[in-house]
C-alpha cells in the first residue's frame, strides 16, 4: 500500500513537471489601442495557404507588417475622425457575402459552413469590414496628392550620406498575459 501511494505521488510529481503551460493566444504587437494577436497572424497565414500562396519563413513577418500598417492607418483614421457610412459598410459586406456564396455554392451551404445564420455572419464581420474600410479611406486620403514613385524615394535616400540620416529613437513596451489553467481530475 505504501509502495502504491509512493508510486502515485511520484507519477503525479513527474506529470506535473511535464505539464508545461500552453499558450492559447498572445499579443504580438499593439498599435494605438488595437492589439494584434498571434491568432490573427495564423488566420492570415491559413488564408494565404488556401489561396495557393507559397508559405515561406518570411510570411509571418510580412503578415505582421501588413497588420501593423493596417492598424496604424486605422488608428490615424480614428484620430482624424475619418467617417465611413453604414451604407458603404453594408454594400461591401453584401459584396463579400456574394463572393463567398459563389465560392461555397449558395447561401444555405455558407450558413452550414459557418454554423450561423446569415444575420449572425453579418453581425460578426461588420466591425472588421468597417475597420478595413476606414483604413482604406485613410490611405486614400494620405496618398491622394502624392506623385512620387517608390523608385524616386529609393534614389533620394541612396543619394544622402549615411551619416546625415538622423536616428529615430524607438519606444517599446512589452507585456505578457499568462493564464494557468486549473488541472482537474
C-alpha atoms as a PDB file:
ATOM      1  CA  UNK A   1       0.000   0.000   0.000  1.00  0.00           C
ATOM      2  CA  UNK A   2       2.800   2.347   0.922  1.00  0.00           C
ATOM      3  CA  UNK A   3       4.607   1.479  -2.334  1.00  0.00           C
ATOM      4  CA  UNK A   4       1.445   2.237  -4.327  1.00  0.00           C
ATOM      5  CA  UNK A   5       0.985   5.660  -2.715  1.00  0.00           C
ATOM      6  CA  UNK A   6       4.681   6.468  -3.241  1.00  0.00           C
ATOM      7  CA  UNK A   7       4.473   5.492  -6.895  1.00  0.00           C
ATOM      8  CA  UNK A   8       1.308   7.521  -7.418  1.00  0.00           C
ATOM      9  CA  UNK A   9       2.895  10.582  -5.787  1.00  0.00           C
ATOM     10  CA  UNK A  10       5.990  10.132  -7.942  1.00  0.00           C
ATOM     11  CA  UNK A  11       3.795   9.819 -11.045  1.00  0.00           C
ATOM     12  CA  UNK A  12       1.821  12.958 -10.153  1.00  0.00           C
ATOM     13  CA  UNK A  13       5.039  14.859  -9.450  1.00  0.00           C
ATOM     14  CA  UNK A  14       6.553  13.881 -12.798  1.00  0.00           C
ATOM     15  CA  UNK A  15       3.301  14.567 -14.644  1.00  0.00           C
ATOM     16  CA  UNK A  16       3.181  17.995 -13.002  1.00  0.00           C
ATOM     17  CA  UNK A  17       6.705  18.779 -14.189  1.00  0.00           C
ATOM     18  CA  UNK A  18       5.943  17.664 -17.722  1.00  0.00           C
ATOM     19  CA  UNK A  19       2.710  19.645 -17.917  1.00  0.00           C
ATOM     20  CA  UNK A  20       4.039  22.999 -19.049  1.00  0.00           C
ATOM     21  CA  UNK A  21       1.665  25.939 -19.568  1.00  0.00           C
ATOM     22  CA  UNK A  22       0.474  26.034 -23.177  1.00  0.00           C
ATOM     23  CA  UNK A  23      -0.017  29.338 -24.964  1.00  0.00           C
ATOM     24  CA  UNK A  24      -3.577  29.715 -26.186  1.00  0.00           C
ATOM     25  CA  UNK A  25      -3.114  33.129 -27.787  1.00  0.00           C
ATOM     26  CA  UNK A  26      -0.867  36.097 -27.232  1.00  0.00           C
ATOM     27  CA  UNK A  27      -0.477  39.714 -28.195  1.00  0.00           C
ATOM     28  CA  UNK A  28       2.266  40.013 -30.790  1.00  0.00           C
ATOM     29  CA  UNK A  29       2.083  43.778 -31.362  1.00  0.00           C
ATOM     30  CA  UNK A  30      -0.001  46.748 -30.376  1.00  0.00           C
ATOM     31  CA  UNK A  31      -0.701  49.849 -32.456  1.00  0.00           C
ATOM     32  CA  UNK A  32      -2.564  52.519 -30.526  1.00  0.00           C
ATOM     33  CA  UNK A  33      -5.465  50.781 -28.806  1.00  0.00           C
ATOM     34  CA  UNK A  34      -5.504  47.895 -31.287  1.00  0.00           C
ATOM     35  CA  UNK A  35      -3.757  44.646 -30.397  1.00  0.00           C
ATOM     36  CA  UNK A  36      -2.505  42.189 -32.994  1.00  0.00           C
ATOM     37  CA  UNK A  37      -2.852  38.621 -31.779  1.00  0.00           C
ATOM     38  CA  UNK A  38      -0.876  35.556 -32.776  1.00  0.00           C
ATOM     39  CA  UNK A  39      -4.182  34.018 -33.901  1.00  0.00           C
ATOM     40  CA  UNK A  40      -4.649  36.935 -36.339  1.00  0.00           C
ATOM     41  CA  UNK A  41      -1.324  36.127 -37.990  1.00  0.00           C
ATOM     42  CA  UNK A  42      -2.080  32.411 -38.066  1.00  0.00           C
ATOM     43  CA  UNK A  43      -5.518  33.069 -39.582  1.00  0.00           C
ATOM     44  CA  UNK A  44      -3.997  35.220 -42.335  1.00  0.00           C
ATOM     45  CA  UNK A  45      -1.389  32.525 -42.944  1.00  0.00           C
ATOM     46  CA  UNK A  46      -4.097  29.869 -43.347  1.00  0.00           C
ATOM     47  CA  UNK A  47      -5.968  32.122 -45.776  1.00  0.00           C
ATOM     48  CA  UNK A  48      -2.769  32.603 -47.781  1.00  0.00           C
ATOM     49  CA  UNK A  49      -2.212  28.844 -47.918  1.00  0.00           C
ATOM     50  CA  UNK A  50      -5.811  28.286 -49.049  1.00  0.00           C
ATOM     51  CA  UNK A  51      -5.329  30.898 -51.769  1.00  0.00           C
ATOM     52  CA  UNK A  52      -2.374  28.897 -53.066  1.00  0.00           C
ATOM     53  CA  UNK A  53       0.396  31.262 -51.947  1.00  0.00           C
ATOM     54  CA  UNK A  54       3.801  29.823 -51.187  1.00  0.00           C
ATOM     55  CA  UNK A  55       4.451  29.652 -47.448  1.00  0.00           C
ATOM     56  CA  UNK A  56       7.933  30.945 -46.717  1.00  0.00           C
ATOM     57  CA  UNK A  57       9.640  31.628 -43.384  1.00  0.00           C
ATOM     58  CA  UNK A  58       9.266  35.355 -44.077  1.00  0.00           C
ATOM     59  CA  UNK A  59       5.473  35.102 -44.482  1.00  0.00           C
ATOM     60  CA  UNK A  60       4.804  35.599 -40.750  1.00  0.00           C
ATOM     61  CA  UNK A  61       6.855  38.805 -40.777  1.00  0.00           C
ATOM     62  CA  UNK A  62       5.114  40.055 -43.921  1.00  0.00           C
ATOM     63  CA  UNK A  63       1.693  39.361 -42.419  1.00  0.00           C
ATOM     64  CA  UNK A  64       2.640  41.095 -39.156  1.00  0.00           C
ATOM     65  CA  UNK A  65       3.964  44.109 -41.058  1.00  0.00           C
ATOM     66  CA  UNK A  66       0.760  44.349 -43.102  1.00  0.00           C
ATOM     67  CA  UNK A  67      -1.444  44.039 -39.994  1.00  0.00           C
ATOM     68  CA  UNK A  68       0.601  46.712 -38.214  1.00  0.00           C
ATOM     69  CA  UNK A  69       0.285  49.002 -41.245  1.00  0.00           C
ATOM     70  CA  UNK A  70      -3.495  48.481 -41.382  1.00  0.00           C
ATOM     71  CA  UNK A  71      -3.811  49.158 -37.646  1.00  0.00           C
ATOM     72  CA  UNK A  72      -1.628  52.252 -37.965  1.00  0.00           C
ATOM     73  CA  UNK A  73      -3.941  53.580 -40.694  1.00  0.00           C
ATOM     74  CA  UNK A  74      -6.997  52.657 -38.610  1.00  0.00           C
ATOM     75  CA  UNK A  75      -5.600  54.427 -35.558  1.00  0.00           C
ATOM     76  CA  UNK A  76      -4.856  57.539 -37.631  1.00  0.00           C
ATOM     77  CA  UNK A  77      -8.328  57.398 -39.198  1.00  0.00           C
ATOM     78  CA  UNK A  78      -9.873  57.411 -35.734  1.00  0.00           C
ATOM     79  CA  UNK A  79      -7.657  60.328 -34.657  1.00  0.00           C
ATOM     80  CA  UNK A  80      -8.521  62.282 -37.818  1.00  0.00           C
ATOM     81  CA  UNK A  81     -12.247  61.475 -37.457  1.00  0.00           C
ATOM     82  CA  UNK A  82     -12.488  59.777 -40.833  1.00  0.00           C
ATOM     83  CA  UNK A  83     -16.055  58.610 -41.416  1.00  0.00           C
ATOM     84  CA  UNK A  84     -17.312  55.600 -43.333  1.00  0.00           C
ATOM     85  CA  UNK A  85     -21.069  55.400 -43.771  1.00  0.00           C
ATOM     86  CA  UNK A  86     -23.130  52.390 -42.765  1.00  0.00           C
ATOM     87  CA  UNK A  87     -24.317  52.164 -46.376  1.00  0.00           C
ATOM     88  CA  UNK A  88     -20.710  51.683 -47.546  1.00  0.00           C
ATOM     89  CA  UNK A  89     -20.140  49.004 -44.908  1.00  0.00           C
ATOM     90  CA  UNK A  90     -23.365  47.206 -45.828  1.00  0.00           C
ATOM     91  CA  UNK A  91     -22.589  47.348 -49.549  1.00  0.00           C
ATOM     92  CA  UNK A  92     -19.092  45.939 -49.012  1.00  0.00           C
ATOM     93  CA  UNK A  93     -20.473  43.218 -46.732  1.00  0.00           C
ATOM     94  CA  UNK A  94     -23.100  42.204 -49.308  1.00  0.00           C
ATOM     95  CA  UNK A  95     -20.409  42.088 -51.986  1.00  0.00           C
ATOM     96  CA  UNK A  96     -18.178  39.846 -49.876  1.00  0.00           C
ATOM     97  CA  UNK A  97     -21.068  37.579 -48.895  1.00  0.00           C
ATOM     98  CA  UNK A  98     -21.958  37.213 -52.574  1.00  0.00           C
ATOM     99  CA  UNK A  99     -18.353  36.221 -53.349  1.00  0.00           C
ATOM    100  CA  UNK A 100     -18.287  33.660 -50.510  1.00  0.00           C
ATOM    101  CA  UNK A 101     -21.664  32.277 -51.595  1.00  0.00           C
ATOM    102  CA  UNK A 102     -20.337  31.781 -55.130  1.00  0.00           C
ATOM    103  CA  UNK A 103     -17.208  30.034 -53.826  1.00  0.00           C
ATOM    104  CA  UNK A 104     -19.091  27.749 -51.431  1.00  0.00           C
ATOM    105  CA  UNK A 105     -22.119  27.130 -53.606  1.00  0.00           C
ATOM    106  CA  UNK A 106     -25.021  29.061 -52.119  1.00  0.00           C
ATOM    107  CA  UNK A 107     -26.310  30.847 -49.058  1.00  0.00           C
ATOM    108  CA  UNK A 108     -27.503  27.706 -47.302  1.00  0.00           C
ATOM    109  CA  UNK A 109     -24.132  25.979 -47.716  1.00  0.00           C
ATOM    110  CA  UNK A 110     -22.426  29.114 -46.386  1.00  0.00           C
ATOM    111  CA  UNK A 111     -24.662  29.081 -43.300  1.00  0.00           C
ATOM    112  CA  UNK A 112     -23.888  25.389 -42.787  1.00  0.00           C
ATOM    113  CA  UNK A 113     -20.149  26.015 -43.241  1.00  0.00           C
ATOM    114  CA  UNK A 114     -20.042  28.803 -40.627  1.00  0.00           C
ATOM    115  CA  UNK A 115     -22.691  27.173 -38.429  1.00  0.00           C
ATOM    116  CA  UNK A 116     -24.525  30.500 -38.175  1.00  0.00           C
ATOM    117  CA  UNK A 117     -27.366  32.315 -39.844  1.00  0.00           C
ATOM    118  CA  UNK A 118     -26.608  34.993 -42.430  1.00  0.00           C
ATOM    119  CA  UNK A 119     -27.629  37.665 -39.894  1.00  0.00           C
ATOM    120  CA  UNK A 120     -25.115  36.343 -37.350  1.00  0.00           C
ATOM    121  CA  UNK A 121     -22.393  36.194 -40.001  1.00  0.00           C
ATOM    122  CA  UNK A 122     -23.052  39.809 -40.988  1.00  0.00           C
ATOM    123  CA  UNK A 123     -23.044  40.932 -37.361  1.00  0.00           C
ATOM    124  CA  UNK A 124     -19.746  39.148 -36.742  1.00  0.00           C
ATOM    125  CA  UNK A 125     -17.949  40.636 -39.754  1.00  0.00           C
ATOM    126  CA  UNK A 126     -19.417  44.160 -39.672  1.00  0.00           C
ATOM    127  CA  UNK A 127     -16.805  45.708 -37.371  1.00  0.00           C
ATOM    128  CA  UNK A 128     -13.902  44.089 -39.237  1.00  0.00           C
ATOM    129  CA  UNK A 129     -15.197  45.371 -42.563  1.00  0.00           C
ATOM    130  CA  UNK A 130     -15.751  48.848 -41.121  1.00  0.00           C
ATOM    131  CA  UNK A 131     -12.187  48.919 -39.764  1.00  0.00           C
ATOM    132  CA  UNK A 132     -10.838  47.818 -43.129  1.00  0.00           C
ATOM    133  CA  UNK A 133     -12.835  50.493 -44.974  1.00  0.00           C
ATOM    134  CA  UNK A 134     -11.608  53.145 -42.520  1.00  0.00           C
ATOM    135  CA  UNK A 135      -8.007  52.037 -43.143  1.00  0.00           C
ATOM    136  CA  UNK A 136      -8.505  52.165 -46.903  1.00  0.00           C
ATOM    137  CA  UNK A 137     -10.091  55.618 -46.722  1.00  0.00           C
ATOM    138  CA  UNK A 138      -7.232  56.918 -44.563  1.00  0.00           C
ATOM    139  CA  UNK A 139      -4.673  55.506 -47.011  1.00  0.00           C
ATOM    140  CA  UNK A 140      -6.567  57.107 -49.898  1.00  0.00           C
ATOM    141  CA  UNK A 141      -6.544  60.496 -48.132  1.00  0.00           C
ATOM    142  CA  UNK A 142      -2.822  60.246 -47.378  1.00  0.00           C
ATOM    143  CA  UNK A 143      -1.781  59.192 -50.865  1.00  0.00           C
ATOM    144  CA  UNK A 144      -4.271  61.234 -52.918  1.00  0.00           C
ATOM    145  CA  UNK A 145      -1.828  64.081 -53.553  1.00  0.00           C
ATOM    146  CA  UNK A 146       1.365  62.039 -53.694  1.00  0.00           C
ATOM    147  CA  UNK A 147       3.030  61.958 -57.076  1.00  0.00           C
ATOM    148  CA  UNK A 148       6.335  60.304 -56.197  1.00  0.00           C
ATOM    149  CA  UNK A 149       7.232  56.755 -57.143  1.00  0.00           C
ATOM    150  CA  UNK A 150       8.971  54.251 -54.867  1.00  0.00           C
ATOM    151  CA  UNK A 151      11.956  54.300 -57.241  1.00  0.00           C
ATOM    152  CA  UNK A 152      12.292  58.075 -56.765  1.00  0.00           C
ATOM    153  CA  UNK A 153      12.175  57.680 -52.976  1.00  0.00           C
ATOM    154  CA  UNK A 154      14.860  54.993 -53.092  1.00  0.00           C
ATOM    155  CA  UNK A 155      17.034  57.170 -55.351  1.00  0.00           C
ATOM    156  CA  UNK A 156      16.654  60.116 -52.952  1.00  0.00           C
ATOM    157  CA  UNK A 157      17.656  58.132 -49.849  1.00  0.00           C
ATOM    158  CA  UNK A 158      20.553  56.457 -51.660  1.00  0.00           C
ATOM    159  CA  UNK A 159      21.876  59.910 -52.600  1.00  0.00           C
ATOM    160  CA  UNK A 160      22.047  61.005 -48.938  1.00  0.00           C
ATOM    161  CA  UNK A 161      25.272  60.431 -46.993  1.00  0.00           C
ATOM    162  CA  UNK A 162      24.749  57.702 -44.390  1.00  0.00           C
ATOM    163  CA  UNK A 163      25.975  59.887 -41.507  1.00  0.00           C
ATOM    164  CA  UNK A 164      23.460  62.664 -42.304  1.00  0.00           C
ATOM    165  CA  UNK A 165      20.371  60.466 -41.909  1.00  0.00           C
ATOM    166  CA  UNK A 166      19.053  61.082 -38.378  1.00  0.00           C
ATOM    167  CA  UNK A 167      18.339  58.247 -35.987  1.00  0.00           C
ATOM    168  CA  UNK A 168      14.769  57.822 -34.830  1.00  0.00           C
ATOM    169  CA  UNK A 169      14.549  56.674 -31.233  1.00  0.00           C
ATOM    170  CA  UNK A 170      12.201  53.770 -30.786  1.00  0.00           C
ATOM    171  CA  UNK A 171       9.923  53.212 -27.856  1.00  0.00           C
ATOM    172  CA  UNK A 172       8.928  49.680 -26.973  1.00  0.00           C
ATOM    173  CA  UNK A 173       6.862  48.225 -24.206  1.00  0.00           C
ATOM    174  CA  UNK A 174       6.345  44.533 -23.619  1.00  0.00           C
ATOM    175  CA  UNK A 175       3.506  42.882 -21.772  1.00  0.00           C
ATOM    176  CA  UNK A 176       2.517  39.306 -21.187  1.00  0.00           C
ATOM    177  CA  UNK A 177      -0.787  37.906 -20.031  1.00  0.00           C
ATOM    178  CA  UNK A 178      -0.485  34.398 -18.636  1.00  0.00           C
ATOM    179  CA  UNK A 179      -3.395  32.277 -17.544  1.00  0.00           C
ATOM    180  CA  UNK A 180      -2.557  28.935 -15.970  1.00  0.00           C
ATOM    181  CA  UNK A 181      -5.453  26.513 -16.380  1.00  0.00           C
ATOM    182  CA  UNK A 182      -6.659  24.593 -13.356  1.00  0.00           C
ATOM    183  CA  UNK A 183      -5.730  20.936 -13.512  1.00  0.00           C
ATOM    184  CA  UNK A 184      -8.804  18.842 -12.937  1.00  0.00           C
ATOM    185  CA  UNK A 185      -9.155  15.213 -12.092  1.00  0.00           C
END
